[in-house]
Amino acid sequence: AALPLGTHPQQAMHEAIVAAAEAVNRLAPEPGGAMEHDQHRHQNAPACTIVGSVVAGELLVVGWIGDSRAYWIPDDRGGPTARLTEDDSWAAQMVSAGLMNEAEAYADERAHAITGWLGADAYELDPHTASFKPDRAGVVVVCTDGLWNYAEGADELARVVPADAAARPLHAAQVLVGHALDGGGHDNVTVAVVPFAMPRQGAGSAYNKA
């Protein structure tokens, strides 16, 4: 709703995540209900992670909270692939602080404990957004850890994404879900594939993060 009004896509993504957080917060039991006597009613409040992507002309925007991820996969596979998000997780914090390398952090049993999420029991609402101007056509894969546990690196994921993903995004998402299920399917597997086509005038490279 915000984009047709002229809102910058990155700001619109931020506002959408805030709106989503408010919707999840409303799922927590309200005072006056069956749990009114429970001073800790938010301890078991519904919660989730979120990741999304918007294509607006030459701009590609992603937004997230938690450990669901977005990956950039160029159509020609000749350009660089990339993970566009940074996890809100114990492992990511350890790596960012320089206390562990990535292999050590993700081998720890606490690796996937998330440090950011949507829900009434969240510590604080801290939406992350990033915008890009890719220099070629491609697709964005947005997914839960139920997929990326089985194809964590961007290059590894690119080998699973069908070559015609931009033309058949739903089929590509189904292939990726199948890959996770074939690998064991030990967690929620949610995947969307968003095509990005180059504007006619072309675009340079840019990156902004908030």
Protein backbone atom coordinates (compact mmCIF):
# COMPACT_ATOMS: atom_id res chain seq x y z
CA ALA A 1 0.00 0.00 0.00
CA ALA A 2 2.88 2.38 0.72
CA LEU A 3 4.74 2.00 -2.59
CA PRO A 4 2.05 3.54 -4.87
CA LEU A 5 2.02 6.55 -2.54
CA GLY A 6 5.69 7.24 -3.32
CA THR A 7 7.22 5.85 -0.12
CA HIS A 8 10.83 4.78 -0.67
CA PRO A 9 10.86 0.96 -0.93
CA GLN A 10 13.36 0.57 1.91
CA GLN A 11 11.19 2.72 4.20
CA ALA A 12 8.11 0.80 3.07
CA MET A 13 9.83 -2.46 3.99
CA HIS A 14 10.68 -1.09 7.44
CA GLU A 15 7.07 -0.02 7.98
CA ALA A 16 5.80 -3.41 6.79
CA ILE A 17 7.97 -5.25 9.32
CA VAL A 18 6.73 -2.96 12.09
CA ALA A 19 3.14 -3.67 11.03
CA ALA A 20 3.86 -7.40 10.99
CA ALA A 21 5.35 -7.17 14.49
CA GLU A 22 2.24 -5.41 15.76
CA ALA A 23 0.05 -8.12 14.24
CA VAL A 24 2.06 -10.87 15.95
CA ASN A 25 2.00 -8.97 19.24
CA ARG A 26 -1.80 -8.94 19.11
CA LEU A 27 -1.81 -12.75 19.15
CA ALA A 28 -0.58 -12.75 22.76
CA PRO A 29 -3.33 -13.26 25.39
CA GLU A 30 -4.88 -9.97 26.44
CA PRO A 31 -5.37 -8.81 30.05
CA GLY A 32 -8.83 -9.77 31.18
CA GLY A 33 -8.66 -13.15 29.47
CA ALA A 34 -8.08 -16.57 30.91
CA MET A 35 -4.46 -15.70 31.66
CA GLU A 36 -5.05 -12.35 33.35
CA HIS A 37 -3.62 -13.69 36.59
CA ASP A 38 -0.39 -14.70 34.86
CA GLN A 39 2.16 -11.90 35.20
CA HIS A 40 4.39 -13.74 32.72
CA ARG A 41 1.78 -14.19 29.98
CA HIS A 42 4.24 -13.09 27.28
CA GLN A 43 6.68 -15.90 28.04
CA ASN A 44 4.77 -18.27 25.76
CA ALA A 45 3.50 -15.66 23.30
CA PRO A 46 3.37 -16.64 19.61
CA ALA A 47 6.53 -15.65 17.79
CA CYS A 48 8.16 -15.95 14.37
CA THR A 49 10.95 -14.71 12.16
CA ILE A 50 10.38 -12.67 9.00
CA VAL A 51 12.17 -12.02 5.72
CA GLY A 52 10.87 -10.26 2.63
CA SER A 53 11.97 -8.80 -0.67
CA VAL A 54 10.59 -6.07 -2.94
CA VAL A 55 11.64 -5.27 -6.50
CA ALA A 56 10.96 -1.64 -7.42
CA GLY A 57 12.44 -0.69 -10.79
CA GLU A 58 16.23 -0.92 -10.55
CA LEU A 59 16.12 -1.26 -6.77
CA LEU A 60 16.08 -4.54 -4.85
CA VAL A 61 15.11 -4.28 -1.17
CA VAL A 62 15.20 -6.92 1.55
CA GLY A 63 14.04 -6.75 5.16
CA TRP A 64 14.27 -9.22 8.02
CA ILE A 65 14.28 -10.04 11.71
CA GLY A 66 15.59 -13.38 12.95
CA ASP A 67 17.43 -16.09 11.03
CA SER A 68 15.33 -16.37 7.89
CA ARG A 69 17.51 -15.32 4.96
CA ALA A 70 17.57 -13.76 1.49
CA TYR A 71 20.06 -14.84 -1.18
CA TRP A 72 20.96 -13.24 -4.53
CA ILE A 73 21.40 -15.67 -7.42
CA PRO A 74 22.24 -14.12 -10.84
CA ASP A 75 20.52 -15.64 -13.87
CA ASP A 76 23.76 -16.21 -15.77
CA ARG A 77 25.51 -17.77 -12.76
CA GLY A 78 28.61 -15.96 -14.00
CA GLY A 79 28.27 -13.11 -11.54
CA PRO A 80 28.76 -13.32 -7.79
CA THR A 81 26.11 -14.91 -5.62
CA ALA A 82 25.52 -13.40 -2.18
CA ARG A 83 23.66 -13.76 1.06
CA LEU A 84 21.83 -10.46 1.53
CA THR A 85 20.90 -10.81 5.20
CA GLU A 86 22.73 -11.29 8.49
CA ASP A 87 21.20 -13.63 11.06
CA ASP A 88 19.92 -12.49 14.42
CA SER A 89 21.40 -15.58 16.07
CA TRP A 90 23.83 -16.67 18.75
CA ALA A 91 26.29 -17.95 16.16
CA ALA A 92 26.22 -14.73 14.14
CA GLN A 93 26.83 -12.71 17.32
CA MET A 94 29.83 -14.84 18.22
CA VAL A 95 31.33 -14.42 14.73
CA SER A 96 30.60 -10.68 14.67
CA ALA A 97 32.27 -10.21 18.06
CA GLY A 98 35.35 -12.11 16.87
CA LEU A 99 34.94 -14.73 19.60
CA MET A 100 34.61 -17.66 17.16
CA ASN A 101 35.05 -18.33 13.49
CA GLU A 102 31.99 -19.33 11.49
CA ALA A 103 32.73 -23.06 11.53
CA GLU A 104 33.17 -23.09 15.31
CA ALA A 105 30.08 -20.99 15.96
CA TYR A 106 27.74 -23.04 13.78
CA ALA A 107 29.06 -26.31 15.24
CA ASP A 108 27.93 -25.21 18.71
CA GLU A 109 24.57 -26.50 19.97
CA ARG A 110 23.55 -22.88 20.65
CA ALA A 111 24.23 -21.81 17.06
CA HIS A 112 20.62 -21.43 15.93
CA ALA A 113 19.29 -19.77 19.08
CA ILE A 114 17.80 -16.57 17.67
CA THR A 115 18.36 -13.17 19.26
CA GLY A 116 15.70 -11.27 17.32
CA TRP A 117 12.13 -12.20 16.41
CA LEU A 118 8.57 -10.92 16.09
CA GLY A 119 6.41 -11.48 19.15
CA ALA A 120 5.20 -9.90 22.36
CA ASP A 121 8.13 -11.45 24.23
CA ALA A 122 10.79 -9.99 21.90
CA TYR A 123 13.49 -7.95 23.63
CA GLU A 124 13.10 -5.05 21.21
CA LEU A 125 11.91 -4.41 17.68
CA ASP A 126 14.93 -3.85 15.44
CA PRO A 127 13.98 -4.28 11.76
CA HIS A 128 16.89 -4.70 9.36
CA THR A 129 16.58 -3.45 5.79
CA ALA A 130 19.02 -3.30 2.89
CA SER A 131 18.75 -2.02 -0.67
CA PHE A 132 20.77 -3.00 -3.73
CA LYS A 133 21.08 -2.07 -7.39
CA PRO A 134 22.20 -5.30 -9.08
CA ASP A 135 24.18 -5.04 -12.31
CA ARG A 136 22.48 -8.05 -13.91
CA ALA A 137 19.22 -10.01 -13.87
CA GLY A 138 18.68 -12.68 -11.25
CA VAL A 139 16.42 -13.96 -8.51
CA VAL A 140 16.17 -13.47 -4.78
CA VAL A 141 15.53 -16.59 -2.72
CA VAL A 142 13.90 -15.81 0.64
CA CYS A 143 13.70 -18.77 3.00
CA THR A 144 13.63 -20.14 6.51
CA ASP A 145 16.49 -22.15 7.99
CA GLY A 146 14.55 -25.27 7.00
CA LEU A 147 16.07 -24.69 3.56
CA TRP A 148 19.41 -23.03 4.23
CA ASN A 149 20.42 -25.74 6.69
CA TYR A 150 20.75 -27.91 3.57
CA ALA A 151 22.37 -25.30 1.30
CA GLU A 152 23.89 -22.67 3.55
CA GLY A 153 26.35 -20.94 1.24
CA ALA A 154 25.09 -18.78 -1.63
CA ASP A 155 27.16 -20.75 -4.16
CA GLU A 156 25.81 -24.02 -2.78
CA LEU A 157 22.24 -22.73 -3.02
CA ALA A 158 22.84 -21.48 -6.57
CA ARG A 159 23.67 -25.03 -7.66
CA VAL A 160 20.19 -26.14 -6.56
CA VAL A 161 18.24 -23.21 -8.05
CA PRO A 162 16.96 -24.16 -11.54
CA ALA A 163 18.41 -22.21 -14.47
CA ASP A 164 14.91 -21.01 -15.45
CA ALA A 165 14.07 -19.72 -11.95
CA ALA A 166 13.30 -16.19 -13.16
CA ALA A 167 10.75 -17.48 -15.67
CA ARG A 168 9.30 -20.13 -13.34
CA PRO A 169 9.73 -18.85 -9.77
CA LEU A 170 7.06 -21.08 -8.23
CA HIS A 171 8.63 -24.17 -9.78
CA ALA A 172 12.04 -23.04 -8.50
CA ALA A 173 10.64 -22.66 -4.98
CA GLN A 174 9.15 -26.15 -5.20
CA VAL A 175 12.52 -27.56 -6.29
CA LEU A 176 14.20 -25.89 -3.30
CA VAL A 177 11.60 -27.24 -0.87
CA GLY A 178 12.16 -30.68 -2.37
CA HIS A 179 15.91 -30.31 -1.87
CA ALA A 180 15.38 -29.60 1.85
CA LEU A 181 12.95 -32.50 2.25
CA ASP A 182 15.32 -34.87 0.46
CA GLY A 183 18.05 -33.74 2.86
CA GLY A 184 15.97 -34.69 5.89
CA GLY A 185 13.47 -31.84 6.25
CA HIS A 186 14.09 -31.45 9.96
CA ASP A 187 12.54 -27.97 10.23
CA ASN A 188 9.88 -25.69 8.74
CA VAL A 189 10.75 -25.25 5.04
CA THR A 190 9.35 -22.00 3.60
CA VAL A 191 10.68 -20.60 0.33
CA ALA A 192 9.80 -17.81 -2.12
CA VAL A 193 11.65 -16.88 -5.30
CA VAL A 194 11.50 -13.25 -6.50
CA PRO A 195 12.67 -12.47 -10.08
CA PHE A 196 14.69 -9.30 -10.71
CA ALA A 197 14.84 -8.05 -14.31
CA MET A 198 17.28 -5.38 -15.40
CA PRO A 199 15.67 -2.02 -16.21
CA ARG A 200 16.13 -0.98 -19.84
CA GLN A 201 18.66 1.75 -19.05
CA GLY A 202 20.72 -0.61 -16.90
CA ALA A 203 21.85 0.01 -13.36
CA GLY A 204 25.05 0.45 -11.43
CA SER A 205 25.99 -1.24 -8.20
CA ALA A 206 24.94 0.23 -4.88
CA TYR A 207 24.26 -0.92 -1.35
CA ASN A 208 22.54 0.72 1.58
CA LYS A 209 21.84 -0.87 4.91
CA ALA A 210 19.91 0.14 8.00
